[in-house]
């Protein structure tokens, strides 16, 4: 076998091919977002590669995951539900979603403000 083919078969001139770290990819992707950013979460649902776009708001940024809040309808009312997701599943969102951006309180668990003084 020639030297070129041996080099390719062994994974390169050093013998091993360096693999990119998943934590460095996640940390780099998380840096592009900040708290209160509007994002779209590409949620994998079911099988066969089905991906659903879910509007969300960034709440916390960790080293590996980003905590977001999504609007979910429970018993006829919209409720904010926190989710921890990988940052590479998020993309910026420009569209306005009233259930997330208008009607809900700033933090989950707090009662909505009354409009009557």
N, C-alpha and C. Protein backbone atom coordinates (compact mmCIF):
# COMPACT_ATOMS: atom_id res chain seq x y z
N UNK A 1 0.84 -1.16 0.00
CA UNK A 1 0.00 0.00 0.00
C UNK A 1 0.90 1.23 0.00
N UNK A 2 0.54 2.25 -0.78
CA UNK A 2 1.37 3.45 -0.85
C UNK A 2 1.22 4.28 0.43
N UNK A 3 2.15 5.21 0.63
CA UNK A 3 2.12 6.05 1.84
C UNK A 3 0.86 6.90 1.90
N UNK A 4 0.41 7.38 0.75
CA UNK A 4 -0.80 8.22 0.70
C UNK A 4 -2.02 7.43 1.16
N UNK A 5 -2.16 6.20 0.65
CA UNK A 5 -3.31 5.38 1.05
C UNK A 5 -3.22 4.97 2.52
N UNK A 6 -2.00 4.70 3.02
CA UNK A 6 -1.85 4.38 4.43
C UNK A 6 -2.23 5.56 5.31
N UNK A 7 -1.88 6.76 4.87
CA UNK A 7 -2.20 7.97 5.62
C UNK A 7 -3.71 8.18 5.70
N UNK A 8 -4.39 7.96 4.58
CA UNK A 8 -5.85 8.11 4.55
C UNK A 8 -6.52 7.03 5.39
N UNK A 9 -6.04 5.79 5.27
CA UNK A 9 -6.64 4.68 6.00
C UNK A 9 -6.45 4.82 7.50
N UNK A 10 -5.33 5.41 7.92
CA UNK A 10 -5.09 5.55 9.35
C UNK A 10 -5.72 6.81 9.93
N UNK A 11 -6.38 7.61 9.12
CA UNK A 11 -7.07 8.79 9.64
C UNK A 11 -6.26 10.05 9.51
N UNK A 12 -5.23 10.07 8.70
CA UNK A 12 -4.45 11.28 8.51
C UNK A 12 -3.01 11.05 8.88
N UNK A 13 -2.17 12.07 8.70
CA UNK A 13 -0.75 11.90 8.96
C UNK A 13 -0.45 11.62 10.43
N UNK A 14 -1.24 12.09 11.36
CA UNK A 14 -0.98 11.87 12.78
C UNK A 14 -1.55 10.58 13.31
N UNK A 15 -2.35 9.89 12.51
CA UNK A 15 -2.91 8.63 12.94
C UNK A 15 -4.37 8.73 13.34
N UNK A 16 -4.80 9.85 13.92
CA UNK A 16 -6.19 10.01 14.32
C UNK A 16 -6.74 11.33 13.80
N UNK A 17 -7.98 11.31 13.45
CA UNK A 17 -8.64 12.52 13.00
C UNK A 17 -9.24 13.22 14.22
N UNK A 18 -8.90 14.50 14.45
CA UNK A 18 -9.48 15.18 15.60
C UNK A 18 -10.97 15.42 15.39
N UNK A 19 -11.74 15.15 16.42
CA UNK A 19 -13.18 15.37 16.36
C UNK A 19 -13.52 16.69 17.04
N UNK A 20 -14.43 17.46 16.46
CA UNK A 20 -14.82 18.70 17.12
C UNK A 20 -15.60 18.42 18.39
N UNK A 21 -15.37 19.20 19.40
CA UNK A 21 -16.04 19.03 20.67
C UNK A 21 -17.48 19.50 20.57
N UNK A 22 -18.41 18.72 21.10
CA UNK A 22 -19.81 19.13 21.07
C UNK A 22 -20.06 20.30 22.00
N UNK A 23 -19.29 20.39 23.09
CA UNK A 23 -19.50 21.51 24.01
C UNK A 23 -19.05 22.81 23.39
N UNK A 24 -17.99 22.79 22.58
CA UNK A 24 -17.55 24.03 21.96
C UNK A 24 -18.53 24.48 20.90
N UNK A 25 -19.15 23.52 20.17
CA UNK A 25 -20.16 23.91 19.18
C UNK A 25 -21.39 24.49 19.87
N UNK A 26 -21.82 23.87 20.97
CA UNK A 26 -23.00 24.35 21.68
C UNK A 26 -22.75 25.70 22.32
N UNK A 27 -21.57 25.90 22.88
CA UNK A 27 -21.26 27.17 23.52
C UNK A 27 -21.19 28.29 22.49
N UNK A 28 -20.63 28.00 21.31
CA UNK A 28 -20.55 29.02 20.27
C UNK A 28 -21.94 29.37 19.75
N UNK A 29 -22.80 28.38 19.61
CA UNK A 29 -24.16 28.65 19.14
C UNK A 29 -24.96 29.41 20.19
N UNK A 30 -24.71 29.13 21.48
CA UNK A 30 -25.46 29.79 22.54
C UNK A 30 -25.06 31.26 22.67
N UNK A 31 -23.85 31.60 22.28
CA UNK A 31 -23.39 32.99 22.40
C UNK A 31 -24.11 33.92 21.45
N UNK A 32 -24.72 33.39 20.40
CA UNK A 32 -25.40 34.27 19.46
C UNK A 32 -26.76 34.74 19.98
N UNK A 33 -27.24 34.16 21.07
CA UNK A 33 -28.52 34.55 21.66
C UNK A 33 -28.29 35.26 22.98
N UNK A 34 -29.25 36.10 23.36
CA UNK A 34 -29.22 36.73 24.68
C UNK A 34 -30.60 36.58 25.31
N UNK A 35 -30.69 36.87 26.59
CA UNK A 35 -31.94 36.73 27.33
C UNK A 35 -32.99 37.65 26.72
N UNK A 36 -34.22 37.17 26.64
CA UNK A 36 -35.40 37.85 26.08
C UNK A 36 -35.39 37.93 24.56
N UNK A 37 -34.50 37.21 23.89
CA UNK A 37 -34.53 37.15 22.43
C UNK A 37 -35.70 36.29 21.98
N UNK A 38 -36.32 36.69 20.88
CA UNK A 38 -37.38 35.89 20.26
C UNK A 38 -36.71 34.88 19.34
N UNK A 39 -37.04 33.61 19.52
CA UNK A 39 -36.44 32.55 18.73
C UNK A 39 -37.50 31.57 18.25
N UNK A 40 -37.11 30.74 17.30
CA UNK A 40 -37.94 29.63 16.86
C UNK A 40 -37.19 28.35 17.17
N UNK A 41 -37.84 27.45 17.90
CA UNK A 41 -37.26 26.17 18.29
C UNK A 41 -37.68 25.13 17.27
N UNK A 42 -36.73 24.45 16.66
CA UNK A 42 -37.02 23.37 15.72
C UNK A 42 -37.18 22.09 16.53
N UNK A 43 -38.42 21.81 16.95
CA UNK A 43 -38.71 20.66 17.82
C UNK A 43 -38.91 19.41 16.97
N UNK A 44 -38.15 18.37 17.31
CA UNK A 44 -38.33 17.09 16.63
C UNK A 44 -39.50 16.36 17.26
N UNK A 45 -40.47 16.01 16.44
CA UNK A 45 -41.69 15.38 16.93
C UNK A 45 -41.90 14.06 16.22
N UNK A 46 -42.08 13.02 16.99
CA UNK A 46 -42.37 11.72 16.40
C UNK A 46 -41.19 11.18 15.62
N UNK A 47 -41.49 10.40 14.64
CA UNK A 47 -40.46 9.79 13.82
C UNK A 47 -40.45 10.35 12.42
N UNK A 48 -39.68 9.75 11.57
CA UNK A 48 -39.61 10.08 10.16
C UNK A 48 -39.08 11.49 9.90
N UNK A 49 -38.33 12.07 10.84
CA UNK A 49 -37.70 13.36 10.61
C UNK A 49 -38.65 14.56 10.65
N UNK A 50 -39.79 14.43 11.30
CA UNK A 50 -40.73 15.54 11.39
C UNK A 50 -40.20 16.59 12.36
N UNK A 51 -40.07 17.83 11.89
CA UNK A 51 -39.59 18.94 12.70
C UNK A 51 -40.65 20.04 12.70
N UNK A 52 -41.08 20.46 13.90
CA UNK A 52 -42.10 21.49 14.03
C UNK A 52 -41.45 22.80 14.50
N UNK A 53 -41.75 23.92 13.84
CA UNK A 53 -41.25 25.20 14.32
C UNK A 53 -42.11 25.71 15.48
N UNK A 54 -41.49 25.97 16.63
CA UNK A 54 -42.21 26.41 17.82
C UNK A 54 -41.65 27.77 18.24
N UNK A 55 -42.48 28.83 18.27
CA UNK A 55 -41.98 30.13 18.74
C UNK A 55 -41.68 30.09 20.23
N UNK A 56 -40.61 30.80 20.63
CA UNK A 56 -40.18 30.78 22.03
C UNK A 56 -39.45 32.06 22.37
N UNK A 57 -39.16 32.23 23.67
CA UNK A 57 -38.39 33.36 24.19
C UNK A 57 -37.26 32.79 25.04
N UNK A 58 -36.04 33.30 24.85
CA UNK A 58 -34.88 32.83 25.61
C UNK A 58 -34.96 33.38 27.03
N UNK A 59 -34.78 32.51 28.04
CA UNK A 59 -34.81 32.92 29.44
C UNK A 59 -33.45 32.80 30.12
N UNK A 60 -32.70 31.73 29.86
CA UNK A 60 -31.38 31.54 30.46
C UNK A 60 -30.47 30.91 29.43
N UNK A 61 -29.19 31.21 29.54
CA UNK A 61 -28.20 30.62 28.64
C UNK A 61 -27.18 29.88 29.48
N UNK A 62 -27.10 28.58 29.27
CA UNK A 62 -26.14 27.76 30.00
C UNK A 62 -24.95 27.40 29.13
N UNK A 63 -24.08 26.56 29.66
CA UNK A 63 -22.90 26.18 28.91
C UNK A 63 -23.23 25.22 27.77
N UNK A 64 -24.21 24.32 27.99
CA UNK A 64 -24.58 23.35 26.95
C UNK A 64 -25.97 23.57 26.39
N UNK A 65 -26.88 24.07 27.19
CA UNK A 65 -28.27 24.21 26.76
C UNK A 65 -28.78 25.62 27.02
N UNK A 66 -29.87 25.94 26.35
CA UNK A 66 -30.53 27.23 26.51
C UNK A 66 -31.91 26.97 27.06
N UNK A 67 -32.31 27.72 28.09
CA UNK A 67 -33.66 27.57 28.62
C UNK A 67 -34.56 28.56 27.91
N UNK A 68 -35.64 28.05 27.35
CA UNK A 68 -36.60 28.89 26.63
C UNK A 68 -37.97 28.72 27.27
N UNK A 69 -38.88 29.63 26.92
CA UNK A 69 -40.28 29.50 27.32
C UNK A 69 -41.12 29.44 26.07
N UNK A 70 -42.00 28.47 26.02
CA UNK A 70 -42.93 28.31 24.91
C UNK A 70 -44.35 28.46 25.44
N UNK A 71 -45.26 28.87 24.58
CA UNK A 71 -46.67 28.99 24.97
C UNK A 71 -47.36 27.67 24.68
N UNK A 72 -48.08 27.16 25.69
CA UNK A 72 -48.81 25.91 25.54
C UNK A 72 -50.22 26.12 26.06
N UNK A 73 -51.18 25.61 25.34
CA UNK A 73 -52.58 25.75 25.75
C UNK A 73 -52.96 24.59 26.68
N UNK A 74 -53.28 24.92 27.94
CA UNK A 74 -53.66 23.93 28.93
C UNK A 74 -55.01 24.33 29.51
N UNK A 75 -56.00 23.44 29.39
CA UNK A 75 -57.37 23.68 29.87
C UNK A 75 -57.94 25.00 29.36
N UNK A 76 -57.67 25.31 28.09
CA UNK A 76 -58.25 26.50 27.47
C UNK A 76 -57.51 27.79 27.75
N UNK A 77 -56.41 27.77 28.49
CA UNK A 77 -55.65 28.98 28.77
C UNK A 77 -54.21 28.81 28.32
N UNK A 78 -53.61 29.91 27.83
CA UNK A 78 -52.22 29.89 27.41
C UNK A 78 -51.32 30.00 28.64
N UNK A 79 -50.37 29.09 28.74
CA UNK A 79 -49.44 29.03 29.86
C UNK A 79 -48.02 28.97 29.29
N UNK A 80 -47.09 29.65 29.94
CA UNK A 80 -45.68 29.57 29.54
C UNK A 80 -45.05 28.34 30.18
N UNK A 81 -44.39 27.55 29.36
CA UNK A 81 -43.76 26.32 29.82
C UNK A 81 -42.26 26.40 29.52
N UNK A 82 -41.41 26.23 30.55
CA UNK A 82 -39.96 26.27 30.29
C UNK A 82 -39.47 24.96 29.68
N UNK A 83 -38.52 25.08 28.76
CA UNK A 83 -37.89 23.93 28.12
C UNK A 83 -36.39 24.19 28.05
N UNK A 84 -35.59 23.14 28.21
CA UNK A 84 -34.15 23.24 28.02
C UNK A 84 -33.81 22.54 26.71
N UNK A 85 -33.21 23.30 25.79
CA UNK A 85 -32.95 22.78 24.45
C UNK A 85 -31.51 23.05 24.04
N UNK A 86 -31.06 22.34 23.03
CA UNK A 86 -29.73 22.58 22.47
C UNK A 86 -29.77 23.85 21.63
N UNK A 87 -28.74 24.69 21.71
CA UNK A 87 -28.77 25.96 20.99
C UNK A 87 -28.75 25.81 19.47
N UNK A 88 -28.25 24.69 18.94
CA UNK A 88 -28.26 24.54 17.49
C UNK A 88 -29.65 24.25 16.94
N UNK A 89 -30.64 24.03 17.82
CA UNK A 89 -32.03 23.83 17.40
C UNK A 89 -32.81 25.15 17.38
N UNK A 90 -32.15 26.27 17.68
CA UNK A 90 -32.81 27.58 17.74
C UNK A 90 -32.38 28.46 16.57
N UNK A 91 -33.30 29.30 16.12
CA UNK A 91 -33.00 30.30 15.10
C UNK A 91 -33.73 31.59 15.48
N UNK A 92 -33.23 32.75 15.06
CA UNK A 92 -33.89 34.01 15.40
C UNK A 92 -35.29 34.10 14.80
N UNK A 93 -36.18 34.80 15.51
CA UNK A 93 -37.57 34.96 15.06
C UNK A 93 -37.89 36.43 15.00
N UNK A 94 -38.53 36.88 13.92
CA UNK A 94 -38.93 38.28 13.80
C UNK A 94 -40.43 38.45 13.92
N UNK A 95 -41.19 37.39 13.68
CA UNK A 95 -42.65 37.47 13.75
C UNK A 95 -43.16 37.68 15.17
N UNK A 96 -44.31 38.31 15.28
CA UNK A 96 -44.93 38.60 16.57
C UNK A 96 -45.90 37.48 16.93
N UNK A 97 -45.77 36.93 18.12
CA UNK A 97 -46.67 35.89 18.63
C UNK A 97 -47.35 36.44 19.87
N UNK A 98 -48.64 36.78 19.80
CA UNK A 98 -49.30 37.43 20.93
C UNK A 98 -49.29 36.60 22.21
N UNK A 99 -49.38 35.28 22.10
CA UNK A 99 -49.41 34.44 23.30
C UNK A 99 -48.10 34.51 24.08
N UNK A 100 -47.00 34.78 23.41
CA UNK A 100 -45.70 34.90 24.08
C UNK A 100 -45.32 36.35 24.35
N UNK A 101 -45.60 37.23 23.41
CA UNK A 101 -45.07 38.58 23.46
C UNK A 101 -45.98 39.60 24.14
N UNK A 102 -47.28 39.36 24.21
CA UNK A 102 -48.22 40.35 24.75
C UNK A 102 -48.90 39.93 26.05
N UNK A 103 -49.70 38.89 25.96
CA UNK A 103 -50.67 38.58 27.02
C UNK A 103 -50.10 37.93 28.26
N UNK A 104 -48.96 37.30 28.16
CA UNK A 104 -48.46 36.55 29.30
C UNK A 104 -47.56 37.39 30.19
N UNK A 105 -47.51 37.09 31.48
CA UNK A 105 -46.61 37.82 32.37
C UNK A 105 -45.15 37.56 32.01
N UNK A 106 -44.27 38.43 32.52
CA UNK A 106 -42.86 38.36 32.17
C UNK A 106 -42.21 37.07 32.65
N UNK A 107 -42.58 36.56 33.81
CA UNK A 107 -42.03 35.32 34.33
C UNK A 107 -43.18 34.36 34.62
N UNK A 108 -42.93 33.08 34.42
CA UNK A 108 -43.98 32.11 34.71
C UNK A 108 -44.22 32.04 36.21
N UNK A 109 -45.44 31.80 36.60
CA UNK A 109 -45.77 31.70 38.01
C UNK A 109 -46.27 33.00 38.62
N UNK A 110 -46.20 34.11 37.91
CA UNK A 110 -46.70 35.38 38.45
C UNK A 110 -48.07 35.66 37.85
N UNK A 111 -49.00 36.23 38.62
CA UNK A 111 -50.32 36.51 38.08
C UNK A 111 -50.28 37.65 37.07
N UNK A 112 -51.16 37.64 36.07
CA UNK A 112 -51.18 38.72 35.09
C UNK A 112 -51.62 40.03 35.74
N UNK A 113 -51.11 41.12 35.20
CA UNK A 113 -51.46 42.44 35.73
C UNK A 113 -52.88 42.81 35.33
N UNK A 114 -53.54 43.49 36.21
CA UNK A 114 -54.89 43.96 35.92
C UNK A 114 -54.82 45.27 35.15
N UNK A 115 -55.73 45.45 34.19
CA UNK A 115 -55.75 46.69 33.41
C UNK A 115 -56.58 47.75 34.10
N UNK A 116 -57.34 47.36 35.13
CA UNK A 116 -58.18 48.31 35.87
C UNK A 116 -57.40 48.83 37.06
N UNK A 117 -57.27 50.18 37.24
CA UNK A 117 -56.49 50.70 38.39
C UNK A 117 -57.15 50.49 39.72
